[in-house]
Amino acid sequence: MSAEHDNHGQTPAAWTTVIIIMLAFVVGTLGVMLGNWVMFWVGVGMVVLAPVVGKVMQLMGLGAPGTSARDRRQASPQPTQGVAD
């Protein structure tokens, strides 16, 4: 297994996102079963909100290291300009 996939999904951001989505499906399913459409739409809203929460947590440093755009920019080699040997 390569080092870049060493922590696949094992971060607080990933776990929180998955837990929110699982709870959202439970809420939405109960809403349909009970005929409570407000509850169903709350579940839909939770599904939409979960990736936003995960991304915010990732940007706070709780996601996989090296996955943010800033980390990729810092890791990429910077071209040298006008350096003669």
C-alpha atoms as a PDB file:
ATOM      1  CA  MET A   1       0.000   0.000   0.000  1.00  0.00           C
ATOM      2  CA  SER A   2       1.427   3.374  -0.918  1.00  0.00           C
ATOM      3  CA  ALA A   3       2.011   6.100   1.656  1.00  0.00           C
ATOM      4  CA  GLU A   4      -0.396   8.515  -0.045  1.00  0.00           C
ATOM      5  CA  HIS A   5      -3.364   6.263   0.813  1.00  0.00           C
ATOM      6  CA  ASP A   6      -2.190   5.342   4.296  1.00  0.00           C
ATOM      7  CA  ASN A   7      -5.127   6.950   6.158  1.00  0.00           C
ATOM      8  CA  HIS A   8      -7.988   6.364   3.740  1.00  0.00           C
ATOM      9  CA  GLY A   9     -11.067   7.677   5.531  1.00  0.00           C
ATOM     10  CA  GLN A  10      -9.574   7.420   8.996  1.00  0.00           C
ATOM     11  CA  THR A  11      -9.882  11.082   9.935  1.00  0.00           C
ATOM     12  CA  PRO A  12     -12.315  12.967  12.161  1.00  0.00           C
ATOM     13  CA  ALA A  13     -13.591  14.901   9.123  1.00  0.00           C
ATOM     14  CA  ALA A  14     -14.379  11.727   7.176  1.00  0.00           C
ATOM     15  CA  TRP A  15     -16.013   9.977  10.130  1.00  0.00           C
ATOM     16  CA  THR A  16     -18.128  13.008  10.996  1.00  0.00           C
ATOM     17  CA  THR A  17     -19.311  13.346   7.396  1.00  0.00           C
ATOM     18  CA  VAL A  18     -20.275   9.666   7.195  1.00  0.00           C
ATOM     19  CA  ILE A  19     -22.064   9.728  10.563  1.00  0.00           C
ATOM     20  CA  ILE A  20     -24.093  12.809   9.590  1.00  0.00           C
ATOM     21  CA  ILE A  21     -25.079  11.198   6.274  1.00  0.00           C
ATOM     22  CA  MET A  22     -26.083   7.945   7.996  1.00  0.00           C
ATOM     23  CA  LEU A  23     -28.211   9.850  10.517  1.00  0.00           C
ATOM     24  CA  ALA A  24     -29.719  11.863   7.675  1.00  0.00           C
ATOM     25  CA  PHE A  25     -30.873   8.700   5.926  1.00  0.00           C
ATOM     26  CA  VAL A  26     -32.380   7.396   9.169  1.00  0.00           C
ATOM     27  CA  VAL A  27     -34.228  10.694   9.724  1.00  0.00           C
ATOM     28  CA  GLY A  28     -35.402  10.797   6.098  1.00  0.00           C
ATOM     29  CA  THR A  29     -36.543   7.175   6.156  1.00  0.00           C
ATOM     30  CA  LEU A  30     -38.479   7.676   9.376  1.00  0.00           C
ATOM     31  CA  GLY A  31     -40.044  10.769   7.875  1.00  0.00           C
ATOM     32  CA  VAL A  32     -41.313   8.804   4.890  1.00  0.00           C
ATOM     33  CA  MET A  33     -42.509   5.898   7.026  1.00  0.00           C
ATOM     34  CA  LEU A  34     -44.383   8.190   9.414  1.00  0.00           C
ATOM     35  CA  GLY A  35     -45.697  10.438   6.677  1.00  0.00           C
ATOM     36  CA  ASN A  36     -43.915  13.402   8.261  1.00  0.00           C
ATOM     37  CA  TRP A  37     -42.611  15.356   5.276  1.00  0.00           C
ATOM     38  CA  VAL A  38     -40.918  17.995   7.429  1.00  0.00           C
ATOM     39  CA  MET A  39     -38.806  15.235   8.962  1.00  0.00           C
ATOM     40  CA  PHE A  40     -38.022  13.904   5.483  1.00  0.00           C
ATOM     41  CA  TRP A  41     -36.821  17.318   4.301  1.00  0.00           C
ATOM     42  CA  VAL A  42     -34.734  17.738   7.455  1.00  0.00           C
ATOM     43  CA  GLY A  43     -32.999  14.484   6.462  1.00  0.00           C
ATOM     44  CA  VAL A  44     -32.427  15.803   2.949  1.00  0.00           C
ATOM     45  CA  GLY A  45     -30.966  18.991   4.418  1.00  0.00           C
ATOM     46  CA  MET A  46     -28.615  16.947   6.587  1.00  0.00           C
ATOM     47  CA  VAL A  47     -27.338  15.087   3.513  1.00  0.00           C
ATOM     48  CA  VAL A  48     -26.601  18.425   1.833  1.00  0.00           C
ATOM     49  CA  LEU A  49     -24.952  19.830   4.974  1.00  0.00           C
ATOM     50  CA  ALA A  50     -22.692  16.831   5.702  1.00  0.00           C
ATOM     51  CA  PRO A  51     -20.083  17.420   2.945  1.00  0.00           C
ATOM     52  CA  VAL A  52     -19.894  21.095   3.924  1.00  0.00           C
ATOM     53  CA  VAL A  53     -19.158  20.112   7.522  1.00  0.00           C
ATOM     54  CA  GLY A  54     -16.535  17.617   6.327  1.00  0.00           C
ATOM     55  CA  LYS A  55     -14.824  20.190   4.118  1.00  0.00           C
ATOM     56  CA  VAL A  56     -14.754  22.784   6.907  1.00  0.00           C
ATOM     57  CA  MET A  57     -13.253  20.205   9.248  1.00  0.00           C
ATOM     58  CA  GLN A  58     -10.669  19.294   6.603  1.00  0.00           C
ATOM     59  CA  LEU A  59      -9.702  22.938   6.207  1.00  0.00           C
ATOM     60  CA  MET A  60      -9.366  23.160   9.992  1.00  0.00           C
ATOM     61  CA  GLY A  61      -6.743  20.421   9.804  1.00  0.00           C
ATOM     62  CA  LEU A  62      -8.914  17.478  10.862  1.00  0.00           C
ATOM     63  CA  GLY A  63      -8.843  15.797   7.438  1.00  0.00           C
ATOM     64  CA  ALA A  64      -6.232  13.741   5.678  1.00  0.00           C
ATOM     65  CA  PRO A  65      -2.877  15.523   5.505  1.00  0.00           C
ATOM     66  CA  GLY A  66      -1.944  16.806   2.087  1.00  0.00           C
ATOM     67  CA  THR A  67      -5.456  16.917   0.677  1.00  0.00           C
ATOM     68  CA  SER A  68      -6.063  20.654   0.806  1.00  0.00           C
ATOM     69  CA  ALA A  69      -5.071  22.897  -2.089  1.00  0.00           C
ATOM     70  CA  ARG A  70      -2.671  24.779   0.186  1.00  0.00           C
ATOM     71  CA  ASP A  71      -0.871  21.538   1.108  1.00  0.00           C
ATOM     72  CA  ARG A  72      -0.573  20.547  -2.564  1.00  0.00           C
ATOM     73  CA  ARG A  73       0.857  23.969  -3.477  1.00  0.00           C
ATOM     74  CA  GLN A  74       3.413  23.751  -0.692  1.00  0.00           C
ATOM     75  CA  ALA A  75       4.409  20.202  -1.657  1.00  0.00           C
ATOM     76  CA  SER A  76       4.858  20.932  -5.370  1.00  0.00           C
ATOM     77  CA  PRO A  77       8.370  21.869  -6.442  1.00  0.00           C
ATOM     78  CA  GLN A  78       8.759  25.546  -7.195  1.00  0.00           C
ATOM     79  CA  PRO A  79      10.492  26.342 -10.499  1.00  0.00           C
ATOM     80  CA  THR A  80      13.733  28.252 -10.242  1.00  0.00           C
ATOM     81  CA  GLN A  81      13.915  31.414 -12.299  1.00  0.00           C
ATOM     82  CA  GLY A  82      17.116  32.511 -13.908  1.00  0.00           C
ATOM     83  CA  VAL A  83      19.472  30.441 -11.813  1.00  0.00           C
ATOM     84  CA  ALA A  84      22.591  29.681 -13.799  1.00  0.00           C
ATOM     85  CA  ASP A  85      25.106  27.052 -12.759  1.00  0.00           C
END
